[in-house]
PDB file of N, CA and C in Angstrom:
ATOM      1  N   MET A   1      -7.456   6.743 -10.049  1.00  0.00           N
ATOM      2  CA  MET A   1      -6.485   7.617 -10.678  1.00  0.00           C
ATOM      3  C   MET A   1      -5.200   6.856 -10.924  1.00  0.00           C
ATOM      4  N   ASP A   2      -4.716   6.914 -12.128  1.00  0.00           N
ATOM      5  CA  ASP A   2      -3.491   6.221 -12.477  1.00  0.00           C
ATOM      6  C   ASP A   2      -2.291   7.001 -11.986  1.00  0.00           C
ATOM      7  N   GLY A   3      -1.299   6.302 -11.401  1.00  0.00           N
ATOM      8  CA  GLY A   3      -0.078   6.955 -10.957  1.00  0.00           C
ATOM      9  C   GLY A   3      -0.124   7.471  -9.536  1.00  0.00           C
ATOM     10  N   VAL A   4      -1.287   7.455  -8.904  1.00  0.00           N
ATOM     11  CA  VAL A   4      -1.384   7.911  -7.519  1.00  0.00           C
ATOM     12  C   VAL A   4      -1.372   6.676  -6.630  1.00  0.00           C
ATOM     13  N   PRO A   5      -0.417   6.596  -5.697  1.00  0.00           N
ATOM     14  CA  PRO A   5      -0.340   5.413  -4.843  1.00  0.00           C
ATOM     15  C   PRO A   5      -1.585   5.260  -3.989  1.00  0.00           C
ATOM     16  N   GLU A   6      -1.917   4.009  -3.707  1.00  0.00           N
ATOM     17  CA  GLU A   6      -3.072   3.795  -2.838  1.00  0.00           C
ATOM     18  C   GLU A   6      -2.701   4.230  -1.430  1.00  0.00           C
ATOM     19  N   PRO A   7      -3.611   4.902  -0.734  1.00  0.00           N
ATOM     20  CA  PRO A   7      -3.296   5.454   0.585  1.00  0.00           C
ATOM     21  C   PRO A   7      -3.084   4.349   1.620  1.00  0.00           C
ATOM     22  N   HIS A   8      -2.313   4.675   2.625  1.00  0.00           N
ATOM     23  CA  HIS A   8      -2.070   3.761   3.729  1.00  0.00           C
ATOM     24  C   HIS A   8      -2.901   4.227   4.909  1.00  0.00           C
ATOM     25  N   THR A   9      -3.528   3.286   5.573  1.00  0.00           N
ATOM     26  CA  THR A   9      -4.288   3.646   6.773  1.00  0.00           C
ATOM     27  C   THR A   9      -3.580   3.064   7.983  1.00  0.00           C
ATOM     28  N   GLY A  10      -3.738   3.694   9.100  1.00  0.00           N
ATOM     29  CA  GLY A  10      -3.094   3.238  10.319  1.00  0.00           C
ATOM     30  C   GLY A  10      -1.763   3.939  10.532  1.00  0.00           C
ATOM     31  N   TRP A  11      -1.101   3.573  11.574  1.00  0.00           N
ATOM     32  CA  TRP A  11       0.152   4.230  11.918  1.00  0.00           C
ATOM     33  C   TRP A  11       1.334   3.465  11.330  1.00  0.00           C
ATOM     34  N   THR A  12       2.467   4.153  11.263  1.00  0.00           N
ATOM     35  CA  THR A  12       3.707   3.544  10.783  1.00  0.00           C
ATOM     36  C   THR A  12       4.851   3.986  11.687  1.00  0.00           C
ATOM     37  N   PHE A  13       5.973   3.303  11.579  1.00  0.00           N
ATOM     38  CA  PHE A  13       7.132   3.639  12.408  1.00  0.00           C
ATOM     39  C   PHE A  13       7.901   4.838  11.881  1.00  0.00           C
ATOM     40  N   LEU A  14       7.873   5.071  10.585  1.00  0.00           N
ATOM     41  CA  LEU A  14       8.676   6.130   9.984  1.00  0.00           C
ATOM     42  C   LEU A  14       7.808   7.232   9.408  1.00  0.00           C
ATOM     43  N   THR A  15       8.346   8.435   9.424  1.00  0.00           N
ATOM     44  CA  THR A  15       7.660   9.541   8.774  1.00  0.00           C
ATOM     45  C   THR A  15       7.948   9.490   7.280  1.00  0.00           C
ATOM     46  N   ASN A  16       7.149  10.190   6.513  1.00  0.00           N
ATOM     47  CA  ASN A  16       7.404  10.281   5.077  1.00  0.00           C
ATOM     48  C   ASN A  16       8.725  10.975   4.793  1.00  0.00           C
ATOM     49  N   HIS A  17       9.107  11.915   5.650  1.00  0.00           N
ATOM     50  CA  HIS A  17      10.392  12.592   5.478  1.00  0.00           C
ATOM     51  C   HIS A  17      11.542  11.589   5.589  1.00  0.00           C
ATOM     52  N   ALA A  18      11.471  10.686   6.567  1.00  0.00           N
ATOM     53  CA  ALA A  18      12.514   9.667   6.731  1.00  0.00           C
ATOM     54  C   ALA A  18      12.531   8.721   5.540  1.00  0.00           C
ATOM     55  N   ARG A  19      11.356   8.348   5.040  1.00  0.00           N
ATOM     56  CA  ARG A  19      11.284   7.460   3.881  1.00  0.00           C
ATOM     57  C   ARG A  19      11.922   8.102   2.655  1.00  0.00           C
ATOM     58  N   VAL A  20      11.611   9.364   2.416  1.00  0.00           N
ATOM     59  CA  VAL A  20      12.170  10.065   1.259  1.00  0.00           C
ATOM     60  C   VAL A  20      13.681  10.194   1.404  1.00  0.00           C
ATOM     61  N   LEU A  21      14.152  10.547   2.578  1.00  0.00           N
ATOM     62  CA  LEU A  21      15.591  10.682   2.803  1.00  0.00           C
ATOM     63  C   LEU A  21      16.294   9.340   2.589  1.00  0.00           C
ATOM     64  N   ALA A  22      15.706   8.251   3.060  1.00  0.00           N
ATOM     65  CA  ALA A  22      16.290   6.925   2.865  1.00  0.00           C
ATOM     66  C   ALA A  22      16.307   6.543   1.385  1.00  0.00           C
ATOM     67  N   ALA A  23      15.256   6.884   0.661  1.00  0.00           N
ATOM     68  CA  ALA A  23      15.219   6.588  -0.776  1.00  0.00           C
ATOM     69  C   ALA A  23      16.315   7.357  -1.507  1.00  0.00           C
ATOM     70  N   ILE A  24      16.533   8.592  -1.110  1.00  0.00           N
ATOM     71  CA  ILE A  24      17.597   9.401  -1.720  1.00  0.00           C
ATOM     72  C   ILE A  24      18.964   8.844  -1.330  1.00  0.00           C
ATOM     73  N   ALA A  25      19.113   8.382  -0.100  1.00  0.00           N
ATOM     74  CA  ALA A  25      20.383   7.792   0.322  1.00  0.00           C
ATOM     75  C   ALA A  25      20.693   6.535  -0.491  1.00  0.00           C
ATOM     76  N   ASP A  26      19.667   5.794  -0.879  1.00  0.00           N
ATOM     77  CA  ASP A  26      19.848   4.613  -1.725  1.00  0.00           C
ATOM     78  C   ASP A  26      20.274   4.984  -3.140  1.00  0.00           C
ATOM     79  N   ASN A  27      19.782   6.127  -3.634  1.00  0.00           N
ATOM     80  CA  ASN A  27      20.082   6.552  -5.003  1.00  0.00           C
ATOM     81  C   ASN A  27      20.076   8.072  -5.056  1.00  0.00           C
ATOM     82  N   HIS A  28      21.254   8.666  -5.053  1.00  0.00           N
ATOM     83  CA  HIS A  28      21.388  10.121  -4.990  1.00  0.00           C
ATOM     84  C   HIS A  28      20.900  10.845  -6.235  1.00  0.00           C
ATOM     85  N   SER A  29      20.674  10.119  -7.307  1.00  0.00           N
ATOM     86  CA  SER A  29      20.166  10.772  -8.516  1.00  0.00           C
ATOM     87  C   SER A  29      18.785  10.247  -8.900  1.00  0.00           C
ATOM     88  N   ALA A  30      18.068   9.715  -7.922  1.00  0.00           N
ATOM     89  CA  ALA A  30      16.714   9.203  -8.180  1.00  0.00           C
ATOM     90  C   ALA A  30      15.789  10.326  -8.625  1.00  0.00           C
ATOM     91  N   ARG A  31      14.905  10.002  -9.550  1.00  0.00           N
ATOM     92  CA  ARG A  31      13.910  10.975  -9.988  1.00  0.00           C
ATOM     93  C   ARG A  31      12.789  11.046  -8.953  1.00  0.00           C
ATOM     94  N   ILE A  32      12.163  12.198  -8.870  1.00  0.00           N
ATOM     95  CA  ILE A  32      11.049  12.378  -7.931  1.00  0.00           C
ATOM     96  C   ILE A  32       9.982  11.319  -8.180  1.00  0.00           C
ATOM     97  N   ARG A  33       9.730  11.011  -9.432  1.00  0.00           N
ATOM     98  CA  ARG A  33       8.743   9.989  -9.784  1.00  0.00           C
ATOM     99  C   ARG A  33       9.104   8.647  -9.148  1.00  0.00           C
ATOM    100  N   ASP A  34      10.394   8.288  -9.192  1.00  0.00           N
ATOM    101  CA  ASP A  34      10.837   7.012  -8.634  1.00  0.00           C
ATOM    102  C   ASP A  34      10.789   7.016  -7.105  1.00  0.00           C
ATOM    103  N   ILE A  35      11.166   8.136  -6.510  1.00  0.00           N
ATOM    104  CA  ILE A  35      11.091   8.263  -5.054  1.00  0.00           C
ATOM    105  C   ILE A  35       9.639   8.131  -4.601  1.00  0.00           C
ATOM    106  N   ALA A  36       8.748   8.798  -5.311  1.00  0.00           N
ATOM    107  CA  ALA A  36       7.326   8.745  -4.973  1.00  0.00           C
ATOM    108  C   ALA A  36       6.796   7.317  -5.048  1.00  0.00           C
ATOM    109  N   ALA A  37       7.151   6.608  -6.097  1.00  0.00           N
ATOM    110  CA  ALA A  37       6.689   5.227  -6.241  1.00  0.00           C
ATOM    111  C   ALA A  37       7.252   4.346  -5.134  1.00  0.00           C
ATOM    112  N   HIS A  38       8.530   4.510  -4.829  1.00  0.00           N
ATOM    113  CA  HIS A  38       9.186   3.720  -3.789  1.00  0.00           C
ATOM    114  C   HIS A  38       8.545   3.975  -2.416  1.00  0.00           C
ATOM    115  N   CYS A  39       8.248   5.226  -2.131  1.00  0.00           N
ATOM    116  CA  CYS A  39       7.703   5.606  -0.820  1.00  0.00           C
ATOM    117  C   CYS A  39       6.184   5.543  -0.766  1.00  0.00           C
ATOM    118  N   ARG A  40       5.561   5.255  -1.907  1.00  0.00           N
ATOM    119  CA  ARG A  40       4.095   5.211  -2.002  1.00  0.00           C
ATOM    120  C   ARG A  40       3.473   6.551  -1.650  1.00  0.00           C
ATOM    121  N   LEU A  41       4.068   7.603  -2.235  1.00  0.00           N
ATOM    122  CA  LEU A  41       3.588   8.965  -2.054  1.00  0.00           C
ATOM    123  C   LEU A  41       3.315   9.565  -3.425  1.00  0.00           C
ATOM    124  N   THR A  42       2.643  10.690  -3.442  1.00  0.00           N
ATOM    125  CA  THR A  42       2.477  11.406  -4.702  1.00  0.00           C
ATOM    126  C   THR A  42       3.757  12.182  -5.009  1.00  0.00           C
ATOM    127  N   GLU A  43       3.953  12.501  -6.270  1.00  0.00           N
ATOM    128  CA  GLU A  43       5.120  13.290  -6.653  1.00  0.00           C
ATOM    129  C   GLU A  43       5.092  14.651  -5.973  1.00  0.00           C
ATOM    130  N   ARG A  44       3.913  15.232  -5.869  1.00  0.00           N
ATOM    131  CA  ARG A  44       3.786  16.538  -5.219  1.00  0.00           C
ATOM    132  C   ARG A  44       4.206  16.473  -3.748  1.00  0.00           C
ATOM    133  N   ALA A  45       3.823  15.395  -3.056  1.00  0.00           N
ATOM    134  CA  ALA A  45       4.214  15.232  -1.652  1.00  0.00           C
ATOM    135  C   ALA A  45       5.734  15.105  -1.533  1.00  0.00           C
ATOM    136  N   VAL A  46       6.358  14.366  -2.446  1.00  0.00           N
ATOM    137  CA  VAL A  46       7.812  14.200  -2.427  1.00  0.00           C
ATOM    138  C   VAL A  46       8.497  15.536  -2.693  1.00  0.00           C
ATOM    139  N   GLN A  47       7.976  16.314  -3.621  1.00  0.00           N
ATOM    140  CA  GLN A  47       8.551  17.638  -3.894  1.00  0.00           C
ATOM    141  C   GLN A  47       8.516  18.514  -2.644  1.00  0.00           C
ATOM    142  N   LYS A  48       7.405  18.478  -1.921  1.00  0.00           N
ATOM    143  CA  LYS A  48       7.278  19.273  -0.704  1.00  0.00           C
ATOM    144  C   LYS A  48       8.249  18.789   0.370  1.00  0.00           C
ATOM    145  N   ILE A  49       8.372  17.488   0.517  1.00  0.00           N
ATOM    146  CA  ILE A  49       9.283  16.925   1.519  1.00  0.00           C
ATOM    147  C   ILE A  49      10.725  17.291   1.186  1.00  0.00           C
ATOM    148  N   ILE A  50      11.107  17.182  -0.089  1.00  0.00           N
ATOM    149  CA  ILE A  50      12.461  17.563  -0.497  1.00  0.00           C
ATOM    150  C   ILE A  50      12.699  19.041  -0.204  1.00  0.00           C
ATOM    151  N   ALA A  51      11.715  19.880  -0.476  1.00  0.00           N
ATOM    152  CA  ALA A  51      11.848  21.315  -0.174  1.00  0.00           C
ATOM    153  C   ALA A  51      12.040  21.531   1.328  1.00  0.00           C
ATOM    154  N   ASP A  52      11.284  20.805   2.157  1.00  0.00           N
ATOM    155  CA  ASP A  52      11.440  20.896   3.620  1.00  0.00           C
ATOM    156  C   ASP A  52      12.857  20.498   4.032  1.00  0.00           C
ATOM    157  N   LEU A  53      13.329  19.371   3.510  1.00  0.00           N
ATOM    158  CA  LEU A  53      14.650  18.864   3.877  1.00  0.00           C
ATOM    159  C   LEU A  53      15.760  19.808   3.424  1.00  0.00           C
ATOM    160  N   GLU A  54      15.581  20.418   2.254  1.00  0.00           N
ATOM    161  CA  GLU A  54      16.581  21.384   1.766  1.00  0.00           C
ATOM    162  C   GLU A  54      16.547  22.670   2.598  1.00  0.00           C
ATOM    163  N   ARG A  55      15.363  23.142   2.890  1.00  0.00           N
ATOM    164  CA  ARG A  55      15.224  24.375   3.659  1.00  0.00           C
ATOM    165  C   ARG A  55      15.901  24.261   5.024  1.00  0.00           C
ATOM    166  N   ASP A  56      15.808  23.083   5.644  1.00  0.00           N
ATOM    167  CA  ASP A  56      16.377  22.896   6.979  1.00  0.00           C
ATOM    168  C   ASP A  56      17.797  22.326   6.963  1.00  0.00           C
ATOM    169  N   GLY A  57      18.393  22.217   5.777  1.00  0.00           N
ATOM    170  CA  GLY A  57      19.797  21.857   5.667  1.00  0.00           C
ATOM    171  C   GLY A  57      20.133  20.377   5.709  1.00  0.00           C
ATOM    172  N   TYR A  58      19.148  19.515   5.620  1.00  0.00           N
ATOM    173  CA  TYR A  58      19.405  18.083   5.634  1.00  0.00           C
ATOM    174  C   TYR A  58      19.810  17.573   4.254  1.00  0.00           C
ATOM    175  N   LEU A  59      19.462  18.319   3.237  1.00  0.00           N
ATOM    176  CA  LEU A  59      19.617  17.868   1.862  1.00  0.00           C
ATOM    177  C   LEU A  59      19.935  19.063   0.984  1.00  0.00           C
ATOM    178  N   SER A  60      20.741  18.839  -0.046  1.00  0.00           N
ATOM    179  CA  SER A  60      20.964  19.856  -1.072  1.00  0.00           C
ATOM    180  C   SER A  60      20.986  19.131  -2.413  1.00  0.00           C
ATOM    181  N   HIS A  61      20.876  19.899  -3.486  1.00  0.00           N
ATOM    182  CA  HIS A  61      20.933  19.255  -4.794  1.00  0.00           C
ATOM    183  C   HIS A  61      21.715  20.114  -5.777  1.00  0.00           C
ATOM    184  N   THR A  62      22.249  19.443  -6.769  1.00  0.00           N
ATOM    185  CA  THR A  62      22.865  20.123  -7.905  1.00  0.00           C
ATOM    186  C   THR A  62      22.174  19.619  -9.152  1.00  0.00           C
ATOM    187  N   ARG A  63      22.042  20.506 -10.086  1.00  0.00           N
ATOM    188  CA  ARG A  63      21.365  20.194 -11.340  1.00  0.00           C
ATOM    189  C   ARG A  63      22.418  19.794 -12.362  1.00  0.00           C
ATOM    190  N   GLU A  64      22.264  18.629 -12.977  1.00  0.00           N
ATOM    191  CA  GLU A  64      23.154  18.156 -14.023  1.00  0.00           C
ATOM    192  C   GLU A  64      22.295  17.832 -15.237  1.00  0.00           C
ATOM    193  N   GLY A  65      22.192  18.803 -16.144  1.00  0.00           N
ATOM    194  CA  GLY A  65      21.291  18.630 -17.278  1.00  0.00           C
ATOM    195  C   GLY A  65      19.863  18.625 -16.790  1.00  0.00           C
ATOM    196  N   ARG A  66      19.165  17.532 -17.047  1.00  0.00           N
ATOM    197  CA  ARG A  66      17.778  17.413 -16.598  1.00  0.00           C
ATOM    198  C   ARG A  66      17.670  16.600 -15.312  1.00  0.00           C
ATOM    199  N   THR A  67      18.803  16.265 -14.729  1.00  0.00           N
ATOM    200  CA  THR A  67      18.827  15.395 -13.554  1.00  0.00           C
ATOM    201  C   THR A  67      19.296  16.160 -12.323  1.00  0.00           C
ATOM    202  N   ASN A  68      18.652  15.898 -11.204  1.00  0.00           N
ATOM    203  CA  ASN A  68      19.113  16.412  -9.918  1.00  0.00           C
ATOM    204  C   ASN A  68      19.950  15.337  -9.240  1.00  0.00           C
ATOM    205  N   THR A  69      21.052  15.759  -8.652  1.00  0.00           N
ATOM    206  CA  THR A  69      21.841  14.872  -7.803  1.00  0.00           C
ATOM    207  C   THR A  69      21.769  15.447  -6.402  1.00  0.00           C
ATOM    208  N   TYR A  70      21.314  14.609  -5.475  1.00  0.00           N
ATOM    209  CA  TYR A  70      21.092  15.048  -4.102  1.00  0.00           C
ATOM    210  C   TYR A  70      22.283  14.706  -3.224  1.00  0.00           C
ATOM    211  N   GLU A  71      22.542  15.563  -2.245  1.00  0.00           N
ATOM    212  CA  GLU A  71      23.575  15.310  -1.252  1.00  0.00           C
ATOM    213  C   GLU A  71      22.957  15.485   0.126  1.00  0.00           C
ATOM    214  N   ILE A  72      23.117  14.472   0.949  1.00  0.00           N
ATOM    215  CA  ILE A  72      22.591  14.479   2.311  1.00  0.00           C
ATOM    216  C   ILE A  72      23.700  14.934   3.253  1.00  0.00           C
ATOM    217  N   ASP A  73      23.366  15.777   4.221  1.00  0.00           N
ATOM    218  CA  ASP A  73      24.334  16.190   5.235  1.00  0.00           C
ATOM    219  C   ASP A  73      24.304  15.142   6.344  1.00  0.00           C
ATOM    220  N   PRO A  74      25.271  14.222   6.368  1.00  0.00           N
ATOM    221  CA  PRO A  74      25.225  13.125   7.331  1.00  0.00           C
ATOM    222  C   PRO A  74      25.439  13.557   8.775  1.00  0.00           C
ATOM    223  N   GLY A  75      26.040  14.713   8.994  1.00  0.00           N
ATOM    224  CA  GLY A  75      26.306  15.175  10.353  1.00  0.00           C
ATOM    225  C   GLY A  75      25.182  15.973  10.974  1.00  0.00           C
ATOM    226  N   LYS A  76      24.161  16.272  10.195  1.00  0.00           N
ATOM    227  CA  LYS A  76      23.025  17.050  10.688  1.00  0.00           C
ATOM    228  C   LYS A  76      22.295  16.252  11.772  1.00  0.00           C
ATOM    229  N   VAL A  77      21.990  16.909  12.875  1.00  0.00           N
ATOM    230  CA  VAL A  77      21.319  16.260  14.010  1.00  0.00           C
ATOM    231  C   VAL A  77      19.809  16.252  13.759  1.00  0.00           C
ATOM    232  N   LEU A  78      19.169  15.145  14.152  1.00  0.00           N
ATOM    233  CA  LEU A  78      17.720  15.024  13.970  1.00  0.00           C
ATOM    234  C   LEU A  78      16.989  16.062  14.810  1.00  0.00           C
ATOM    235  N   ARG A  79      15.788  16.419  14.386  1.00  0.00           N
ATOM    236  CA  ARG A  79      15.071  17.555  14.946  1.00  0.00           C
ATOM    237  C   ARG A  79      14.400  17.322  16.296  1.00  0.00           C
ATOM    238  N   HIS A  80      13.901  16.134  16.545  1.00  0.00           N
ATOM    239  CA  HIS A  80      13.103  15.893  17.744  1.00  0.00           C
ATOM    240  C   HIS A  80      14.000  15.774  18.979  1.00  0.00           C
ATOM    241  N   PRO A  81      13.598  16.391  20.096  1.00  0.00           N
ATOM    242  CA  PRO A  81      14.413  16.331  21.318  1.00  0.00           C
ATOM    243  C   PRO A  81      14.693  14.906  21.799  1.00  0.00           C
ATOM    244  N   ALA A  82      13.803  13.973  21.515  1.00  0.00           N
ATOM    245  CA  ALA A  82      14.018  12.588  21.939  1.00  0.00           C
ATOM    246  C   ALA A  82      15.198  11.944  21.209  1.00  0.00           C
ATOM    247  N   GLU A  83      15.548  12.486  20.052  1.00  0.00           N
ATOM    248  CA  GLU A  83      16.693  11.977  19.290  1.00  0.00           C
ATOM    249  C   GLU A  83      17.892  12.911  19.411  1.00  0.00           C
ATOM    250  N   ALA A  84      17.967  13.668  20.473  1.00  0.00           N
ATOM    251  CA  ALA A  84      19.060  14.631  20.665  1.00  0.00           C
ATOM    252  C   ALA A  84      20.400  13.935  20.483  1.00  0.00           C
ATOM    253  N   GLY A  85      21.220  14.488  19.602  1.00  0.00           N
ATOM    254  CA  GLY A  85      22.549  13.947  19.352  1.00  0.00           C
ATOM    255  C   GLY A  85      22.600  12.890  18.269  1.00  0.00           C
ATOM    256  N   LEU A  86      21.470  12.333  17.875  1.00  0.00           N
ATOM    257  CA  LEU A  86      21.436  11.336  16.813  1.00  0.00           C
ATOM    258  C   LEU A  86      21.538  12.043  15.470  1.00  0.00           C
ATOM    259  N   THR A  87      22.456  11.596  14.639  1.00  0.00           N
ATOM    260  CA  THR A  87      22.668  12.252  13.342  1.00  0.00           C
ATOM    261  C   THR A  87      21.901  11.545  12.232  1.00  0.00           C
ATOM    262  N   VAL A  88      21.811  12.237  11.115  1.00  0.00           N
ATOM    263  CA  VAL A  88      21.195  11.662   9.920  1.00  0.00           C
ATOM    264  C   VAL A  88      21.951  10.397   9.519  1.00  0.00           C
ATOM    265  N   ALA A  89      23.277  10.408   9.621  1.00  0.00           N
ATOM    266  CA  ALA A  89      24.077   9.230   9.265  1.00  0.00           C
ATOM    267  C   ALA A  89      23.670   8.022  10.113  1.00  0.00           C
ATOM    268  N   SER A  90      23.426   8.237  11.393  1.00  0.00           N
ATOM    269  CA  SER A  90      23.003   7.140  12.276  1.00  0.00           C
ATOM    270  C   SER A  90      21.665   6.576  11.834  1.00  0.00           C
ATOM    271  N   LEU A  91      20.733   7.450  11.529  1.00  0.00           N
ATOM    272  CA  LEU A  91      19.419   7.012  11.075  1.00  0.00           C
ATOM    273  C   LEU A  91      19.524   6.266   9.759  1.00  0.00           C
ATOM    274  N   MET A  92      20.279   6.818   8.808  1.00  0.00           N
ATOM    275  CA  MET A  92      20.397   6.193   7.501  1.00  0.00           C
ATOM    276  C   MET A  92      21.092   4.841   7.589  1.00  0.00           C
ATOM    277  N   SER A  93      22.022   4.686   8.522  1.00  0.00           N
ATOM    278  CA  SER A  93      22.700   3.396   8.659  1.00  0.00           C
ATOM    279  C   SER A  93      21.714   2.306   9.078  1.00  0.00           C
ATOM    280  N   LEU A  94      20.654   2.689   9.758  1.00  0.00           N
ATOM    281  CA  LEU A  94      19.620   1.725  10.136  1.00  0.00           C
ATOM    282  C   LEU A  94      18.635   1.439   9.012  1.00  0.00           C
ATOM    283  N   LEU A  95      18.407   2.431   8.153  1.00  0.00           N
ATOM    284  CA  LEU A  95      17.364   2.318   7.139  1.00  0.00           C
ATOM    285  C   LEU A  95      17.854   1.913   5.758  1.00  0.00           C
ATOM    286  N   VAL A  96      19.084   2.244   5.439  1.00  0.00           N
ATOM    287  CA  VAL A  96      19.567   2.061   4.077  1.00  0.00           C
ATOM    288  C   VAL A  96      20.538   0.899   4.024  1.00  0.00           C
ATOM    289  N   LYS A  97      20.221  -0.058   3.186  1.00  0.00           N
ATOM    290  CA  LYS A  97      21.112  -1.175   2.916  1.00  0.00           C
ATOM    291  C   LYS A  97      21.094  -1.399   1.415  1.00  0.00           C
ATOM    292  N   ASP A  98      22.189  -1.919   0.890  1.00  0.00           N
ATOM    293  CA  ASP A  98      22.151  -2.233  -0.527  1.00  0.00           C
ATOM    294  C   ASP A  98      21.295  -3.478  -0.730  1.00  0.00           C
ATOM    295  N   GLU A  99      20.845  -3.701  -1.932  1.00  0.00           N
ATOM    296  CA  GLU A  99      19.914  -4.786  -2.235  1.00  0.00           C
ATOM    297  C   GLU A  99      20.485  -6.150  -1.845  1.00  0.00           C
ATOM    298  N   ALA A 100      21.776  -6.374  -2.056  1.00  0.00           N
ATOM    299  CA  ALA A 100      22.382  -7.658  -1.719  1.00  0.00           C
ATOM    300  C   ALA A 100      22.272  -7.923  -0.223  1.00  0.00           C
ATOM    301  N   ALA A 101      22.500  -6.905   0.590  1.00  0.00           N
ATOM    302  CA  ALA A 101      22.400  -7.069   2.039  1.00  0.00           C
ATOM    303  C   ALA A 101      20.964  -7.368   2.448  1.00  0.00           C
ATOM    304  N   ARG A 102      19.998  -6.754   1.795  1.00  0.00           N
ATOM    305  CA  ARG A 102      18.586  -7.015   2.120  1.00  0.00           C
ATOM    306  C   ARG A 102      18.237  -8.466   1.852  1.00  0.00           C
ATOM    307  N   VAL A 103      18.644  -8.968   0.693  1.00  0.00           N
ATOM    308  CA  VAL A 103      18.323 -10.340   0.323  1.00  0.00           C
ATOM    309  C   VAL A 103      19.017 -11.309   1.268  1.00  0.00           C
ATOM    310  N   THR A 104      20.292 -11.082   1.572  1.00  0.00           N
ATOM    311  CA  THR A 104      21.048 -11.947   2.468  1.00  0.00           C
ATOM    312  C   THR A 104      20.440 -11.949   3.857  1.00  0.00           C
ATOM    313  N   THR A 105      20.155 -10.780   4.400  1.00  0.00           N
ATOM    314  CA  THR A 105      19.576 -10.666   5.734  1.00  0.00           C
ATOM    315  C   THR A 105      18.209 -11.335   5.783  1.00  0.00           C
ATOM    316  N   SER A 106      17.389 -11.102   4.775  1.00  0.00           N
ATOM    317  CA  SER A 106      16.058 -11.695   4.740  1.00  0.00           C
ATOM    318  C   SER A 106      16.140 -13.214   4.675  1.00  0.00           C
ATOM    319  N   ALA A 107      17.066 -13.736   3.889  1.00  0.00           N
ATOM    320  CA  ALA A 107      17.201 -15.177   3.734  1.00  0.00           C
ATOM    321  C   ALA A 107      17.659 -15.827   5.038  1.00  0.00           C
ATOM    322  N   THR A 108      18.588 -15.192   5.739  1.00  0.00           N
ATOM    323  CA  THR A 108      19.092 -15.770   6.981  1.00  0.00           C
ATOM    324  C   THR A 108      18.071 -15.713   8.097  1.00  0.00           C
ATOM    325  N   LYS A 109      17.184 -14.783   8.046  1.00  0.00           N
ATOM    326  CA  LYS A 109      16.179 -14.658   9.107  1.00  0.00           C
ATOM    327  C   LYS A 109      14.862 -15.316   8.736  1.00  0.00           C
ATOM    328  N   GLY A 110      14.809 -15.932   7.537  1.00  0.00           N
ATOM    329  CA  GLY A 110      13.581 -16.584   7.117  1.00  0.00           C
ATOM    330  C   GLY A 110      12.484 -15.617   6.724  1.00  0.00           C
ATOM    331  N   LEU A 111      12.867 -14.389   6.389  1.00  0.00           N
ATOM    332  CA  LEU A 111      11.895 -13.378   5.991  1.00  0.00           C
ATOM    333  C   LEU A 111      11.820 -13.323   4.479  1.00  0.00           C
ATOM    334  N   PRO A 112      10.695 -12.859   3.926  1.00  0.00           N
ATOM    335  CA  PRO A 112      10.632 -12.707   2.474  1.00  0.00           C
ATOM    336  C   PRO A 112      11.652 -11.639   2.040  1.00  0.00           C
ATOM    337  N   SER A 113      12.313 -11.890   0.933  1.00  0.00           N
ATOM    338  CA  SER A 113      13.308 -10.935   0.448  1.00  0.00           C
ATOM    339  C   SER A 113      12.636  -9.723  -0.146  1.00  0.00           C
ATOM    340  N   ALA A 114      13.414  -8.659  -0.307  1.00  0.00           N
ATOM    341  CA  ALA A 114      12.895  -7.416  -0.888  1.00  0.00           C
ATOM    342  C   ALA A 114      12.478  -7.616  -2.325  1.00  0.00           C
ATOM    343  N   ALA A 115      13.032  -8.626  -2.981  1.00  0.00           N
ATOM    344  CA  ALA A 115      12.724  -8.871  -4.385  1.00  0.00           C
ATOM    345  C   ALA A 115      11.390  -9.567  -4.558  1.00  0.00           C
ATOM    346  N   THR A 116      10.821 -10.134  -3.494  1.00  0.00           N
ATOM    347  CA  THR A 116       9.556 -10.845  -3.631  1.00  0.00           C
ATOM    348  C   THR A 116       8.395 -10.012  -3.221  1.00  0.00           C
TER     349      THR A 116
END
């Protein structure tokens, strides 16, 4: 099927909700199609995740023409008791970096850059 990301098997460190939130933090006006491609999810899965995040107050959006602009509530506390007191801003500070920082960090640590 064209346009459907290949599935991932095995476990990962982040949930799809965290991936979608980080993608939105990188680009507040990203299209669902772009978020889905970035996170390797289907567009339908991203729509559901965005609805979950909005319903629970982590995310809101405003419509500007045909574009949605998302706003993340950085002070919202994460849901799991193990992360009690940890805010969305704290999580995003670990996950979201601008592209220049990714390339610089990768180069200094001898890791492949995000561009490769």
